[in-house]
Amino acid sequence: MRTGSRLLSSLAVLAVLAAFSTTTFTKMHTSATPKVRVTTPVDNSKRTTIFGHVTVAVKKANDLGHVDPSTPVQHVIMVLKSDGDQTADCARATVS
């Protein structure tokens, strides 16, 4: 009988923990709303090249020359700076 009561109490503790974690993570994921950062249509005639941000693997690769501008680019990694609101949200999420 002791084993059965331990099993029931362990299951009760696991159920409480599961319910707590589910409600906590649900709140964390649904409370944030994305801020609209692109407020006007993108003008393709005003694109620019960003210099000085090329990974080592790309720097060491063999340059095969120009490609057709319509060639799709795959596996591009862009790292953008977050604004103050995003940094604060991240800090709140990791502390909680």
N, C-alpha and C. Protein backbone atom coordinates (compact mmCIF):
# COMPACT_ATOMS: atom_id res chain seq x y z
N MET A 1 0.81 -1.19 0.00
CA MET A 1 0.00 0.00 0.00
C MET A 1 0.86 1.26 0.00
N ARG A 2 2.03 1.20 0.64
CA ARG A 2 2.93 2.36 0.67
C ARG A 2 3.37 2.76 -0.73
N THR A 3 3.68 1.75 -1.55
CA THR A 3 4.14 2.02 -2.90
C THR A 3 3.04 2.70 -3.71
N GLY A 4 1.81 2.26 -3.54
CA GLY A 4 0.69 2.86 -4.25
C GLY A 4 0.48 4.30 -3.84
N SER A 5 0.61 4.61 -2.56
CA SER A 5 0.42 5.99 -2.09
C SER A 5 1.57 6.88 -2.55
N ARG A 6 2.78 6.36 -2.58
CA ARG A 6 3.91 7.14 -3.11
C ARG A 6 3.72 7.43 -4.59
N LEU A 7 3.25 6.44 -5.31
CA LEU A 7 3.01 6.61 -6.73
C LEU A 7 1.95 7.68 -6.98
N LEU A 8 0.88 7.64 -6.20
CA LEU A 8 -0.17 8.64 -6.35
C LEU A 8 0.33 10.04 -6.00
N SER A 9 1.11 10.16 -4.95
CA SER A 9 1.63 11.49 -4.59
C SER A 9 2.62 11.98 -5.63
N SER A 10 3.42 11.09 -6.18
CA SER A 10 4.35 11.49 -7.24
C SER A 10 3.60 11.94 -8.48
N LEU A 11 2.55 11.23 -8.84
CA LEU A 11 1.73 11.62 -9.98
C LEU A 11 1.04 12.96 -9.74
N ALA A 12 0.61 13.20 -8.51
CA ALA A 12 -0.04 14.47 -8.19
C ALA A 12 0.96 15.62 -8.33
N VAL A 13 2.17 15.42 -7.85
CA VAL A 13 3.20 16.45 -7.96
C VAL A 13 3.52 16.71 -9.43
N LEU A 14 3.66 15.66 -10.21
CA LEU A 14 3.93 15.82 -11.64
C LEU A 14 2.79 16.54 -12.36
N ALA A 15 1.56 16.25 -11.98
CA ALA A 15 0.41 16.92 -12.60
C ALA A 15 0.41 18.40 -12.28
N VAL A 16 0.73 18.76 -11.04
CA VAL A 16 0.78 20.17 -10.64
C VAL A 16 1.91 20.87 -11.40
N LEU A 17 3.07 20.26 -11.47
CA LEU A 17 4.19 20.86 -12.20
C LEU A 17 3.87 21.02 -13.68
N ALA A 18 3.23 20.04 -14.27
CA ALA A 18 2.86 20.13 -15.68
C ALA A 18 1.86 21.26 -15.91
N ALA A 19 0.88 21.38 -15.04
CA ALA A 19 -0.11 22.45 -15.18
C ALA A 19 0.55 23.82 -15.01
N PHE A 20 1.43 23.94 -14.02
CA PHE A 20 2.11 25.21 -13.78
C PHE A 20 2.98 25.59 -14.96
N SER A 21 3.78 24.65 -15.48
CA SER A 21 4.67 24.98 -16.59
C SER A 21 3.88 25.30 -17.85
N THR A 22 2.78 24.61 -18.07
CA THR A 22 1.96 24.89 -19.26
C THR A 22 1.39 26.29 -19.20
N THR A 23 0.83 26.69 -18.06
CA THR A 23 0.25 28.03 -17.96
C THR A 23 1.33 29.10 -18.00
N THR A 24 2.47 28.85 -17.41
CA THR A 24 3.55 29.82 -17.42
C THR A 24 4.08 30.04 -18.83
N PHE A 25 4.36 28.96 -19.55
CA PHE A 25 4.90 29.09 -20.90
C PHE A 25 3.87 29.65 -21.87
N THR A 26 2.60 29.30 -21.67
CA THR A 26 1.56 29.84 -22.53
C THR A 26 1.47 31.35 -22.37
N LYS A 27 1.52 31.82 -21.14
CA LYS A 27 1.48 33.26 -20.90
C LYS A 27 2.69 33.95 -21.51
N MET A 28 3.85 33.34 -21.38
CA MET A 28 5.06 33.96 -21.88
C MET A 28 5.02 34.09 -23.40
N HIS A 29 4.52 33.09 -24.08
CA HIS A 29 4.52 33.11 -25.53
C HIS A 29 3.40 33.97 -26.12
N THR A 30 2.28 34.09 -25.43
CA THR A 30 1.17 34.82 -26.01
C THR A 30 1.10 36.27 -25.56
N SER A 31 1.88 36.65 -24.56
CA SER A 31 1.80 38.03 -24.06
C SER A 31 2.55 39.01 -24.96
N ALA A 32 3.52 38.53 -25.69
CA ALA A 32 4.31 39.42 -26.54
C ALA A 32 3.63 39.59 -27.89
N THR A 33 3.50 40.82 -28.31
CA THR A 33 2.98 41.09 -29.65
C THR A 33 4.09 41.75 -30.45
N PRO A 34 4.32 41.30 -31.67
CA PRO A 34 5.41 41.87 -32.46
C PRO A 34 5.14 43.32 -32.82
N LYS A 35 6.18 44.11 -32.77
CA LYS A 35 6.11 45.52 -33.13
C LYS A 35 6.33 45.63 -34.64
N VAL A 36 5.48 46.39 -35.30
CA VAL A 36 5.61 46.57 -36.75
C VAL A 36 6.81 47.48 -37.00
N ARG A 37 7.81 46.96 -37.71
CA ARG A 37 9.03 47.73 -37.95
C ARG A 37 9.12 48.22 -39.39
N VAL A 38 8.51 47.51 -40.31
CA VAL A 38 8.50 47.95 -41.70
C VAL A 38 7.15 48.63 -41.90
N THR A 39 7.17 49.96 -41.95
CA THR A 39 5.93 50.72 -41.97
C THR A 39 5.55 51.22 -43.35
N THR A 40 6.46 51.13 -44.32
CA THR A 40 6.17 51.56 -45.68
C THR A 40 6.58 50.45 -46.64
N PRO A 41 6.05 50.46 -47.85
CA PRO A 41 6.47 49.43 -48.81
C PRO A 41 7.97 49.52 -49.10
N VAL A 42 8.60 48.38 -49.33
CA VAL A 42 10.02 48.33 -49.63
C VAL A 42 10.24 48.81 -51.06
N ASP A 43 11.16 49.78 -51.21
CA ASP A 43 11.48 50.32 -52.53
C ASP A 43 12.74 49.62 -53.02
N ASN A 44 12.60 48.70 -53.97
CA ASN A 44 13.73 47.92 -54.46
C ASN A 44 14.79 48.78 -55.15
N SER A 45 14.45 49.98 -55.57
CA SER A 45 15.44 50.84 -56.22
C SER A 45 16.38 51.49 -55.21
N LYS A 46 16.07 51.36 -53.92
CA LYS A 46 16.89 51.99 -52.88
C LYS A 46 17.64 50.95 -52.04
N ARG A 47 17.93 49.81 -52.61
CA ARG A 47 18.70 48.80 -51.88
C ARG A 47 20.15 49.25 -51.78
N THR A 48 20.85 48.71 -50.79
CA THR A 48 22.26 49.07 -50.60
C THR A 48 23.06 47.83 -50.21
N THR A 49 24.35 47.89 -50.41
CA THR A 49 25.24 46.81 -50.01
C THR A 49 25.84 47.14 -48.66
N ILE A 50 25.84 46.19 -47.77
CA ILE A 50 26.42 46.38 -46.44
C ILE A 50 27.82 45.76 -46.47
N PHE A 51 28.83 46.57 -46.20
CA PHE A 51 30.21 46.10 -46.23
C PHE A 51 30.71 45.79 -44.83
N GLY A 52 31.68 44.87 -44.75
CA GLY A 52 32.33 44.56 -43.48
C GLY A 52 31.62 43.53 -42.63
N HIS A 53 30.66 42.83 -43.19
CA HIS A 53 29.92 41.85 -42.41
C HIS A 53 29.89 40.50 -43.13
N VAL A 54 31.03 40.05 -43.56
CA VAL A 54 31.11 38.79 -44.30
C VAL A 54 31.77 37.75 -43.41
N THR A 55 31.17 36.56 -43.33
CA THR A 55 31.72 35.51 -42.47
C THR A 55 33.05 35.00 -43.02
N VAL A 56 33.82 34.36 -42.19
CA VAL A 56 35.14 33.85 -42.56
C VAL A 56 35.00 32.81 -43.67
N ALA A 57 33.98 31.97 -43.57
CA ALA A 57 33.79 30.93 -44.59
C ALA A 57 33.58 31.53 -45.97
N VAL A 58 32.87 32.62 -46.04
CA VAL A 58 32.63 33.27 -47.32
C VAL A 58 33.90 33.98 -47.79
N LYS A 59 34.63 34.59 -46.88
CA LYS A 59 35.87 35.29 -47.26
C LYS A 59 36.88 34.32 -47.86
N LYS A 60 36.92 33.09 -47.35
CA LYS A 60 37.89 32.11 -47.83
C LYS A 60 37.41 31.36 -49.06
N ALA A 61 36.17 31.54 -49.46
CA ALA A 61 35.62 30.83 -50.62
C ALA A 61 36.21 31.39 -51.91
N ASN A 62 36.19 30.58 -52.93
CA ASN A 62 36.67 31.02 -54.25
C ASN A 62 35.60 31.87 -54.92
N ASP A 63 36.00 33.05 -55.37
CA ASP A 63 35.07 33.94 -56.06
C ASP A 63 34.96 33.48 -57.51
N LEU A 64 33.76 33.16 -57.92
CA LEU A 64 33.55 32.69 -59.28
C LEU A 64 33.03 33.78 -60.19
N GLY A 65 33.05 35.01 -59.71
CA GLY A 65 32.62 36.14 -60.55
C GLY A 65 31.16 36.47 -60.37
N HIS A 66 30.67 37.28 -61.29
CA HIS A 66 29.29 37.75 -61.23
C HIS A 66 28.31 36.64 -61.54
N VAL A 67 27.13 36.74 -60.95
CA VAL A 67 26.04 35.83 -61.26
C VAL A 67 24.87 36.65 -61.78
N ASP A 68 23.95 35.98 -62.39
CA ASP A 68 22.75 36.64 -62.89
C ASP A 68 22.00 37.26 -61.70
N PRO A 69 21.63 38.53 -61.77
CA PRO A 69 20.94 39.17 -60.65
C PRO A 69 19.64 38.50 -60.24
N SER A 70 19.04 37.73 -61.12
CA SER A 70 17.78 37.06 -60.78
C SER A 70 18.01 35.73 -60.06
N THR A 71 19.27 35.34 -59.85
CA THR A 71 19.58 34.08 -59.16
C THR A 71 19.15 34.17 -57.70
N PRO A 72 18.32 33.23 -57.24
CA PRO A 72 17.90 33.27 -55.84
C PRO A 72 19.08 32.95 -54.91
N VAL A 73 19.13 33.64 -53.78
CA VAL A 73 20.18 33.42 -52.79
C VAL A 73 19.64 32.51 -51.71
N GLN A 74 20.42 31.48 -51.37
CA GLN A 74 19.99 30.55 -50.33
C GLN A 74 20.97 30.61 -49.16
N HIS A 75 20.48 30.30 -47.99
CA HIS A 75 21.28 30.18 -46.78
C HIS A 75 21.96 31.50 -46.39
N VAL A 76 21.21 32.59 -46.42
CA VAL A 76 21.74 33.88 -46.01
C VAL A 76 21.46 34.06 -44.53
N ILE A 77 22.46 34.49 -43.79
CA ILE A 77 22.29 34.76 -42.36
C ILE A 77 22.43 36.26 -42.16
N MET A 78 21.37 36.86 -41.64
CA MET A 78 21.40 38.29 -41.34
C MET A 78 21.26 38.45 -39.83
N VAL A 79 22.14 39.20 -39.22
CA VAL A 79 22.07 39.48 -37.80
C VAL A 79 21.78 40.96 -37.66
N LEU A 80 20.62 41.27 -37.11
CA LEU A 80 20.20 42.66 -36.96
C LEU A 80 20.22 43.05 -35.49
N LYS A 81 20.47 44.30 -35.24
CA LYS A 81 20.50 44.81 -33.87
C LYS A 81 19.08 44.94 -33.35
N SER A 82 18.85 44.48 -32.12
CA SER A 82 17.52 44.61 -31.53
C SER A 82 17.38 45.99 -30.90
N ASP A 83 16.13 46.44 -30.81
CA ASP A 83 15.91 47.75 -30.18
C ASP A 83 15.77 47.58 -28.67
N GLY A 84 15.62 48.67 -27.97
CA GLY A 84 15.55 48.64 -26.51
C GLY A 84 14.37 47.85 -25.98
N ASP A 85 13.22 47.93 -26.67
CA ASP A 85 12.04 47.17 -26.23
C ASP A 85 12.29 45.67 -26.31
N GLN A 86 12.94 45.22 -27.38
CA GLN A 86 13.23 43.80 -27.53
C GLN A 86 14.22 43.33 -26.47
N THR A 87 15.22 44.13 -26.18
CA THR A 87 16.21 43.78 -25.17
C THR A 87 15.54 43.67 -23.80
N ALA A 88 14.66 44.61 -23.49
CA ALA A 88 13.96 44.57 -22.20
C ALA A 88 13.04 43.36 -22.11
N ASP A 89 12.32 43.05 -23.21
CA ASP A 89 11.45 41.87 -23.21
C ASP A 89 12.25 40.60 -23.01
N CYS A 90 13.39 40.52 -23.66
CA CYS A 90 14.25 39.34 -23.52
C CYS A 90 14.75 39.20 -22.08
N ALA A 91 15.15 40.32 -21.50
CA ALA A 91 15.64 40.29 -20.12
C ALA A 91 14.52 39.85 -19.17
N ARG A 92 13.30 40.36 -19.39
CA ARG A 92 12.16 39.97 -18.53
C ARG A 92 11.86 38.47 -18.69
N ALA A 93 11.93 37.99 -19.92
CA ALA A 93 11.61 36.58 -20.17
C ALA A 93 12.63 35.65 -19.55
N THR A 94 13.90 36.03 -19.56
CA THR A 94 14.93 35.15 -19.01
C THR A 94 14.98 35.21 -17.49
N VAL A 95 14.57 36.32 -16.90
CA VAL A 95 14.57 36.43 -15.43
C VAL A 95 13.39 35.68 -14.84
N SER A 96 12.24 35.74 -15.52
CA SER A 96 11.01 35.11 -14.99
C SER A 96 11.12 33.62 -14.94
